[in-house]
């Protein structure tokens, strides 16, 4: 958000990435029907 980005950039608050598997097929939990 502006002007928050000014503080973030000057004090080392870099953007963080999501923990998100990119392959749509692999996003699904392992189906265990054992």
ModelCIF file with pLDDT and N, C-alpha, C, O atoms, coordinates in Angstrom:
data_MODEL
#
_entry.id   MODEL 
#
_entity.id                         1 
_entity.type                       polymer 
_entity.pdbx_number_of_molecules   1 
#
_entity_poly.entity_id                      1 
_entity_poly.type                           'polypeptide(L)' 
_entity_poly.nstd_linkage                   no 
_entity_poly.nstd_monomer                   no 
_entity_poly.pdbx_seq_one_letter_code       
;(UNK)(UNK)(UNK)(UNK)(UNK)(UNK)(UNK)(UNK)(UNK)(UNK)(UNK)(UNK)(UNK)(UNK)(UNK)(UNK)
(UNK)(UNK)(UNK)(UNK)(UNK)(UNK)(UNK)(UNK)(UNK)(UNK)(UNK)(UNK)(UNK)(UNK)(UNK)(UNK)
(UNK)(UNK)
;
_entity_poly.pdbx_seq_one_letter_code_can   XXXXXXXXXXXXXXXXXXXXXXXXXXXXXXXXXX 
_entity_poly.pdbx_strand_id                 A 
#
loop_
_entity_poly_seq.entity_id 
_entity_poly_seq.num 
_entity_poly_seq.mon_id 
_entity_poly_seq.hetero 
1 1  UNK n 
1 2  UNK n 
1 3  UNK n 
1 4  UNK n 
1 5  UNK n 
1 6  UNK n 
1 7  UNK n 
1 8  UNK n 
1 9  UNK n 
1 10 UNK n 
1 11 UNK n 
1 12 UNK n 
1 13 UNK n 
1 14 UNK n 
1 15 UNK n 
1 16 UNK n 
1 17 UNK n 
1 18 UNK n 
1 19 UNK n 
1 20 UNK n 
1 21 UNK n 
1 22 UNK n 
1 23 UNK n 
1 24 UNK n 
1 25 UNK n 
1 26 UNK n 
1 27 UNK n 
1 28 UNK n 
1 29 UNK n 
1 30 UNK n 
1 31 UNK n 
1 32 UNK n 
1 33 UNK n 
1 34 UNK n 
#
_struct_asym.id          A 
_struct_asym.entity_id   1 
#
loop_
_ma_qa_metric.id 
_ma_qa_metric.mode 
_ma_qa_metric.name 
_ma_qa_metric.software_group_id 
_ma_qa_metric.type 
1 global pLDDT . pLDDT 
2 local  pLDDT . pLDDT 
#
_ma_qa_metric_global.metric_id      1 
_ma_qa_metric_global.metric_value   76.74 
_ma_qa_metric_global.model_id       1 
_ma_qa_metric_global.ordinal_id     1 
#
loop_
_ma_qa_metric_local.label_asym_id 
_ma_qa_metric_local.label_comp_id 
_ma_qa_metric_local.label_seq_id 
_ma_qa_metric_local.metric_id 
_ma_qa_metric_local.metric_value 
_ma_qa_metric_local.model_id 
_ma_qa_metric_local.ordinal_id 
A UNK 1  2 95.00 1 1  
A UNK 2  2 93.00 1 2  
A UNK 3  2 93.00 1 3  
A UNK 4  2 95.00 1 4  
A UNK 5  2 95.00 1 5  
A UNK 6  2 94.00 1 6  
A UNK 7  2 95.00 1 7  
A UNK 8  2 95.00 1 8  
A UNK 9  2 94.00 1 9  
A UNK 10 2 93.00 1 10 
A UNK 11 2 93.00 1 11 
A UNK 12 2 92.00 1 12 
A UNK 13 2 95.00 1 13 
A UNK 14 2 94.00 1 14 
A UNK 15 2 95.00 1 15 
A UNK 16 2 95.00 1 16 
A UNK 17 2 94.00 1 17 
A UNK 18 2 94.00 1 18 
A UNK 19 2 94.00 1 19 
A UNK 20 2 87.00 1 20 
A UNK 21 2 73.00 1 21 
A UNK 22 2 60.00 1 22 
A UNK 23 2 52.00 1 23 
A UNK 24 2 46.00 1 24 
A UNK 25 2 46.00 1 25 
A UNK 26 2 44.00 1 26 
A UNK 27 2 46.00 1 27 
A UNK 28 2 51.00 1 28 
A UNK 29 2 50.00 1 29 
A UNK 30 2 55.00 1 30 
A UNK 31 2 55.00 1 31 
A UNK 32 2 53.00 1 32 
A UNK 33 2 53.00 1 33 
A UNK 34 2 50.00 1 34 
#
loop_
_atom_site.group_PDB 
_atom_site.id 
_atom_site.type_symbol 
_atom_site.label_atom_id 
_atom_site.label_alt_id 
_atom_site.label_comp_id 
_atom_site.label_asym_id 
_atom_site.label_entity_id 
_atom_site.label_seq_id 
_atom_site.pdbx_PDB_ins_code 
_atom_site.Cartn_x 
_atom_site.Cartn_y 
_atom_site.Cartn_z 
_atom_site.occupancy 
_atom_site.B_iso_or_equiv 
_atom_site.pdbx_formal_charge 
_atom_site.auth_seq_id 
_atom_site.auth_comp_id 
_atom_site.auth_asym_id 
_atom_site.auth_atom_id 
_atom_site.pdbx_PDB_model_num 
ATOM 1   N N  . UNK A 1 1  ? 0.831  -1.209  0.000   1.00 95.00 ? 1  UNK A N  1 
ATOM 2   C CA . UNK A 1 1  ? 0.000  0.000   0.000   1.00 95.00 ? 1  UNK A CA 1 
ATOM 3   C C  . UNK A 1 1  ? 0.868  1.262   0.000   1.00 95.00 ? 1  UNK A C  1 
ATOM 4   O O  . UNK A 1 1  ? 1.918  1.314   0.640   1.00 95.00 ? 1  UNK A O  1 
ATOM 5   N N  . UNK A 1 2  ? 0.407  2.266   -0.727  1.00 93.00 ? 2  UNK A N  1 
ATOM 6   C CA . UNK A 1 2  ? 1.089  3.560   -0.693  1.00 93.00 ? 2  UNK A CA 1 
ATOM 7   C C  . UNK A 1 2  ? 0.456  4.413   0.412   1.00 93.00 ? 2  UNK A C  1 
ATOM 8   O O  . UNK A 1 2  ? -0.769 4.473   0.512   1.00 93.00 ? 2  UNK A O  1 
ATOM 9   N N  . UNK A 1 3  ? 1.272  5.074   1.244   1.00 93.00 ? 3  UNK A N  1 
ATOM 10  C CA . UNK A 1 3  ? 2.723  5.247   1.158   1.00 93.00 ? 3  UNK A CA 1 
ATOM 11  C C  . UNK A 1 3  ? 3.533  4.230   1.978   1.00 93.00 ? 3  UNK A C  1 
ATOM 12  O O  . UNK A 1 3  ? 4.734  4.419   2.170   1.00 93.00 ? 3  UNK A O  1 
ATOM 13  N N  . UNK A 1 4  ? 2.892  3.152   2.465   1.00 95.00 ? 4  UNK A N  1 
ATOM 14  C CA . UNK A 1 4  ? 3.627  2.168   3.263   1.00 95.00 ? 4  UNK A CA 1 
ATOM 15  C C  . UNK A 1 4  ? 4.834  1.603   2.536   1.00 95.00 ? 4  UNK A C  1 
ATOM 16  O O  . UNK A 1 4  ? 5.845  1.265   3.151   1.00 95.00 ? 4  UNK A O  1 
ATOM 17  N N  . UNK A 1 5  ? 4.714  1.505   1.205   1.00 95.00 ? 5  UNK A N  1 
ATOM 18  C CA . UNK A 1 5  ? 5.794  0.939   0.396   1.00 95.00 ? 5  UNK A CA 1 
ATOM 19  C C  . UNK A 1 5  ? 7.092  1.727   0.564   1.00 95.00 ? 5  UNK A C  1 
ATOM 20  O O  . UNK A 1 5  ? 8.179  1.170   0.412   1.00 95.00 ? 5  UNK A O  1 
ATOM 21  N N  . UNK A 1 6  ? 6.985  3.009   0.873   1.00 94.00 ? 6  UNK A N  1 
ATOM 22  C CA . UNK A 1 6  ? 8.180  3.842   1.070   1.00 94.00 ? 6  UNK A CA 1 
ATOM 23  C C  . UNK A 1 6  ? 8.959  3.379   2.297   1.00 94.00 ? 6  UNK A C  1 
ATOM 24  O O  . UNK A 1 6  ? 10.186 3.295   2.268   1.00 94.00 ? 6  UNK A O  1 
ATOM 25  N N  . UNK A 1 7  ? 8.243  3.084   3.364   1.00 95.00 ? 7  UNK A N  1 
ATOM 26  C CA . UNK A 1 7  ? 8.888  2.569   4.578   1.00 95.00 ? 7  UNK A CA 1 
ATOM 27  C C  . UNK A 1 7  ? 9.432  1.171   4.321   1.00 95.00 ? 7  UNK A C  1 
ATOM 28  O O  . UNK A 1 7  ? 10.556 0.854   4.710   1.00 95.00 ? 7  UNK A O  1 
ATOM 29  N N  . UNK A 1 8  ? 8.623  0.330   3.659   1.00 95.00 ? 8  UNK A N  1 
ATOM 30  C CA . UNK A 1 8  ? 9.031  -1.053  3.396   1.00 95.00 ? 8  UNK A CA 1 
ATOM 31  C C  . UNK A 1 8  ? 10.326 -1.110  2.587   1.00 95.00 ? 8  UNK A C  1 
ATOM 32  O O  . UNK A 1 8  ? 11.238 -1.866  2.920   1.00 95.00 ? 8  UNK A O  1 
ATOM 33  N N  . UNK A 1 9  ? 10.400 -0.322  1.544   1.00 94.00 ? 9  UNK A N  1 
ATOM 34  C CA . UNK A 1 9  ? 11.582 -0.348  0.674   1.00 94.00 ? 9  UNK A CA 1 
ATOM 35  C C  . UNK A 1 9  ? 12.826 0.186   1.376   1.00 94.00 ? 9  UNK A C  1 
ATOM 36  O O  . UNK A 1 9  ? 13.939 -0.274  1.119   1.00 94.00 ? 9  UNK A O  1 
ATOM 37  N N  . UNK A 1 10 ? 12.634 1.143   2.250   1.00 93.00 ? 10 UNK A N  1 
ATOM 38  C CA . UNK A 1 10 ? 13.786 1.760   2.924   1.00 93.00 ? 10 UNK A CA 1 
ATOM 39  C C  . UNK A 1 10 ? 14.280 0.977   4.134   1.00 93.00 ? 10 UNK A C  1 
ATOM 40  O O  . UNK A 1 10 ? 15.389 1.204   4.617   1.00 93.00 ? 10 UNK A O  1 
ATOM 41  N N  . UNK A 1 11 ? 13.457 0.058   4.620   1.00 93.00 ? 11 UNK A N  1 
ATOM 42  C CA . UNK A 1 11 ? 13.853 -0.701  5.808   1.00 93.00 ? 11 UNK A CA 1 
ATOM 43  C C  . UNK A 1 11 ? 13.905 -2.209  5.567   1.00 93.00 ? 11 UNK A C  1 
ATOM 44  O O  . UNK A 1 11 ? 13.857 -2.998  6.510   1.00 93.00 ? 11 UNK A O  1 
ATOM 45  N N  . UNK A 1 12 ? 14.001 -2.598  4.307   1.00 92.00 ? 12 UNK A N  1 
ATOM 46  C CA . UNK A 1 12 ? 14.262 -3.997  3.978   1.00 92.00 ? 12 UNK A CA 1 
ATOM 47  C C  . UNK A 1 12 ? 13.098 -4.954  4.141   1.00 92.00 ? 12 UNK A C  1 
ATOM 48  O O  . UNK A 1 12 ? 13.306 -6.145  4.372   1.00 92.00 ? 12 UNK A O  1 
ATOM 49  N N  . UNK A 1 13 ? 11.873 -4.455  4.024   1.00 95.00 ? 13 UNK A N  1 
ATOM 50  C CA . UNK A 1 13 ? 10.712 -5.345  4.094   1.00 95.00 ? 13 UNK A CA 1 
ATOM 51  C C  . UNK A 1 13 ? 10.367 -5.835  2.687   1.00 95.00 ? 13 UNK A C  1 
ATOM 52  O O  . UNK A 1 13 ? 9.529  -5.248  2.002   1.00 95.00 ? 13 UNK A O  1 
ATOM 53  N N  . UNK A 1 14 ? 11.016 -6.904  2.273   1.00 94.00 ? 14 UNK A N  1 
ATOM 54  C CA . UNK A 1 14 ? 10.799 -7.436  0.927   1.00 94.00 ? 14 UNK A CA 1 
ATOM 55  C C  . UNK A 1 14 ? 9.499  -8.228  0.879   1.00 94.00 ? 14 UNK A C  1 
ATOM 56  O O  . UNK A 1 14 ? 9.005  -8.698  1.903   1.00 94.00 ? 14 UNK A O  1 
ATOM 57  N N  . UNK A 1 15 ? 8.953  -8.369  -0.325  1.00 95.00 ? 15 UNK A N  1 
ATOM 58  C CA . UNK A 1 15 ? 7.743  -9.173  -0.508  1.00 95.00 ? 15 UNK A CA 1 
ATOM 59  C C  . UNK A 1 15 ? 8.049  -10.633 -0.201  1.00 95.00 ? 15 UNK A C  1 
ATOM 60  O O  . UNK A 1 15 ? 9.156  -11.111 -0.450  1.00 95.00 ? 15 UNK A O  1 
ATOM 61  N N  . UNK A 1 16 ? 7.058  -11.336 0.342   1.00 95.00 ? 16 UNK A N  1 
ATOM 62  C CA . UNK A 1 16 ? 7.204  -12.766 0.644   1.00 95.00 ? 16 UNK A CA 1 
ATOM 63  C C  . UNK A 1 16 ? 6.378  -13.568 -0.350  1.00 95.00 ? 16 UNK A C  1 
ATOM 64  O O  . UNK A 1 16 ? 5.347  -13.100 -0.832  1.00 95.00 ? 16 UNK A O  1 
ATOM 65  N N  . UNK A 1 17 ? 6.837  -14.781 -0.656  1.00 94.00 ? 17 UNK A N  1 
ATOM 66  C CA . UNK A 1 17 ? 6.123  -15.654 -1.587  1.00 94.00 ? 17 UNK A CA 1 
ATOM 67  C C  . UNK A 1 17 ? 5.194  -16.604 -0.852  1.00 94.00 ? 17 UNK A C  1 
ATOM 68  O O  . UNK A 1 17 ? 5.455  -17.000 0.284   1.00 94.00 ? 17 UNK A O  1 
ATOM 69  N N  . UNK A 1 18 ? 4.109  -16.960 -1.516  1.00 94.00 ? 18 UNK A N  1 
ATOM 70  C CA . UNK A 1 18 ? 3.187  -17.940 -0.977  1.00 94.00 ? 18 UNK A CA 1 
ATOM 71  C C  . UNK A 1 18 ? 3.790  -19.341 -1.072  1.00 94.00 ? 18 UNK A C  1 
ATOM 72  O O  . UNK A 1 18 ? 4.630  -19.607 -1.932  1.00 94.00 ? 18 UNK A O  1 
ATOM 73  N N  . UNK A 1 19 ? 3.357  -20.223 -0.189  1.00 94.00 ? 19 UNK A N  1 
ATOM 74  C CA . UNK A 1 19 ? 3.718  -21.636 -0.273  1.00 94.00 ? 19 UNK A CA 1 
ATOM 75  C C  . UNK A 1 19 ? 2.629  -22.282 -1.120  1.00 94.00 ? 19 UNK A C  1 
ATOM 76  O O  . UNK A 1 19 ? 1.631  -22.782 -0.601  1.00 94.00 ? 19 UNK A O  1 
ATOM 77  N N  . UNK A 1 20 ? 2.837  -22.261 -2.421  1.00 87.00 ? 20 UNK A N  1 
ATOM 78  C CA . UNK A 1 20 ? 1.790  -22.661 -3.347  1.00 87.00 ? 20 UNK A CA 1 
ATOM 79  C C  . UNK A 1 20 ? 2.390  -23.485 -4.477  1.00 87.00 ? 20 UNK A C  1 
ATOM 80  O O  . UNK A 1 20 ? 3.148  -22.965 -5.296  1.00 87.00 ? 20 UNK A O  1 
ATOM 81  N N  . UNK A 1 21 ? 2.057  -24.754 -4.519  1.00 73.00 ? 21 UNK A N  1 
ATOM 82  C CA . UNK A 1 21 ? 2.566  -25.642 -5.560  1.00 73.00 ? 21 UNK A CA 1 
ATOM 83  C C  . UNK A 1 21 ? 1.998  -25.193 -6.895  1.00 73.00 ? 21 UNK A C  1 
ATOM 84  O O  . UNK A 1 21 ? 0.793  -24.983 -7.029  1.00 73.00 ? 21 UNK A O  1 
ATOM 85  N N  . UNK A 1 22 ? 2.883  -25.046 -7.893  1.00 60.00 ? 22 UNK A N  1 
ATOM 86  C CA . UNK A 1 22 ? 2.483  -24.434 -9.155  1.00 60.00 ? 22 UNK A CA 1 
ATOM 87  C C  . UNK A 1 22 ? 1.688  -25.358 -10.066 1.00 60.00 ? 22 UNK A C  1 
ATOM 88  O O  . UNK A 1 22 ? 0.806  -24.893 -10.788 1.00 60.00 ? 22 UNK A O  1 
ATOM 89  N N  . UNK A 1 23 ? 1.982  -26.663 -10.050 1.00 52.00 ? 23 UNK A N  1 
ATOM 90  C CA . UNK A 1 23 ? 1.300  -27.609 -10.925 1.00 52.00 ? 23 UNK A CA 1 
ATOM 91  C C  . UNK A 1 23 ? -0.105 -27.890 -10.387 1.00 52.00 ? 23 UNK A C  1 
ATOM 92  O O  . UNK A 1 23 ? -0.234 -28.393 -9.271  1.00 52.00 ? 23 UNK A O  1 
ATOM 93  N N  . UNK A 1 24 ? -1.163 -27.581 -11.149 1.00 46.00 ? 24 UNK A N  1 
ATOM 94  C CA . UNK A 1 24 ? -2.533 -27.783 -10.654 1.00 46.00 ? 24 UNK A CA 1 
ATOM 95  C C  . UNK A 1 24 ? -2.807 -29.211 -10.201 1.00 46.00 ? 24 UNK A C  1 
ATOM 96  O O  . UNK A 1 24 ? -3.539 -29.423 -9.234  1.00 46.00 ? 24 UNK A O  1 
ATOM 97  N N  . UNK A 1 25 ? -2.226 -30.195 -10.891 1.00 46.00 ? 25 UNK A N  1 
ATOM 98  C CA . UNK A 1 25 ? -2.431 -31.594 -10.526 1.00 46.00 ? 25 UNK A CA 1 
ATOM 99  C C  . UNK A 1 25 ? -1.788 -31.888 -9.175  1.00 46.00 ? 25 UNK A C  1 
ATOM 100 O O  . UNK A 1 25 ? -2.344 -32.622 -8.358  1.00 46.00 ? 25 UNK A O  1 
ATOM 101 N N  . UNK A 1 26 ? -0.611 -31.308 -8.949  1.00 44.00 ? 26 UNK A N  1 
ATOM 102 C CA . UNK A 1 26 ? 0.142  -31.587 -7.732  1.00 44.00 ? 26 UNK A CA 1 
ATOM 103 C C  . UNK A 1 26 ? -0.345 -30.774 -6.544  1.00 44.00 ? 26 UNK A C  1 
ATOM 104 O O  . UNK A 1 26 ? 0.081  -31.016 -5.415  1.00 44.00 ? 26 UNK A O  1 
ATOM 105 N N  . UNK A 1 27 ? -1.239 -29.805 -6.784  1.00 46.00 ? 27 UNK A N  1 
ATOM 106 C CA . UNK A 1 27 ? -1.788 -29.023 -5.682  1.00 46.00 ? 27 UNK A CA 1 
ATOM 107 C C  . UNK A 1 27 ? -2.682 -29.863 -4.786  1.00 46.00 ? 27 UNK A C  1 
ATOM 108 O O  . UNK A 1 27 ? -2.823 -29.581 -3.596  1.00 46.00 ? 27 UNK A O  1 
ATOM 109 N N  . UNK A 1 28 ? -3.280 -30.889 -5.360  1.00 51.00 ? 28 UNK A N  1 
ATOM 110 C CA . UNK A 1 28 ? -4.198 -31.714 -4.597  1.00 51.00 ? 28 UNK A CA 1 
ATOM 111 C C  . UNK A 1 28 ? -3.458 -32.534 -3.558  1.00 51.00 ? 28 UNK A C  1 
ATOM 112 O O  . UNK A 1 28 ? -2.346 -33.002 -3.802  1.00 51.00 ? 28 UNK A O  1 
ATOM 113 N N  . UNK A 1 29 ? -4.077 -32.706 -2.401  1.00 50.00 ? 29 UNK A N  1 
ATOM 114 C CA . UNK A 1 29 ? -3.491 -33.576 -1.394  1.00 50.00 ? 29 UNK A CA 1 
ATOM 115 C C  . UNK A 1 29 ? -3.412 -35.002 -1.930  1.00 50.00 ? 29 UNK A C  1 
ATOM 116 O O  . UNK A 1 29 ? -4.204 -35.399 -2.786  1.00 50.00 ? 29 UNK A O  1 
ATOM 117 N N  . UNK A 1 30 ? -2.461 -35.758 -1.425  1.00 55.00 ? 30 UNK A N  1 
ATOM 118 C CA . UNK A 1 30 ? -2.331 -37.158 -1.819  1.00 55.00 ? 30 UNK A CA 1 
ATOM 119 C C  . UNK A 1 30 ? -3.581 -37.911 -1.381  1.00 55.00 ? 30 UNK A C  1 
ATOM 120 O O  . UNK A 1 30 ? -3.968 -37.862 -0.214  1.00 55.00 ? 30 UNK A O  1 
ATOM 121 N N  . UNK A 1 31 ? -4.196 -38.591 -2.305  1.00 55.00 ? 31 UNK A N  1 
ATOM 122 C CA . UNK A 1 31 ? -5.411 -39.350 -1.977  1.00 55.00 ? 31 UNK A CA 1 
ATOM 123 C C  . UNK A 1 31 ? -5.015 -40.698 -1.410  1.00 55.00 ? 31 UNK A C  1 
ATOM 124 O O  . UNK A 1 31 ? -4.546 -41.567 -2.144  1.00 55.00 ? 31 UNK A O  1 
ATOM 125 N N  . UNK A 1 32 ? -5.196 -40.880 -0.119  1.00 53.00 ? 32 UNK A N  1 
ATOM 126 C CA . UNK A 1 32 ? -4.858 -42.142 0.546   1.00 53.00 ? 32 UNK A CA 1 
ATOM 127 C C  . UNK A 1 32 ? -6.149 -42.890 0.857   1.00 53.00 ? 32 UNK A C  1 
ATOM 128 O O  . UNK A 1 32 ? -6.873 -42.555 1.795   1.00 53.00 ? 32 UNK A O  1 
ATOM 129 N N  . UNK A 1 33 ? -6.416 -43.907 0.048   1.00 53.00 ? 33 UNK A N  1 
ATOM 130 C CA . UNK A 1 33 ? -7.607 -44.738 0.281   1.00 53.00 ? 33 UNK A CA 1 
ATOM 131 C C  . UNK A 1 33 ? -7.155 -46.164 0.529   1.00 53.00 ? 33 UNK A C  1 
ATOM 132 O O  . UNK A 1 33 ? -7.744 -47.119 0.024   1.00 53.00 ? 33 UNK A O  1 
ATOM 133 N N  . UNK A 1 34 ? -6.120 -46.284 1.299   1.00 50.00 ? 34 UNK A N  1 
ATOM 134 C CA . UNK A 1 34 ? -5.457 -47.558 1.527   1.00 50.00 ? 34 UNK A CA 1 
ATOM 135 C C  . UNK A 1 34 ? -6.110 -48.258 2.704   1.00 50.00 ? 34 UNK A C  1 
ATOM 136 O O  . UNK A 1 34 ? -5.702 -49.360 3.071   1.00 50.00 ? 34 UNK A O  1 
#
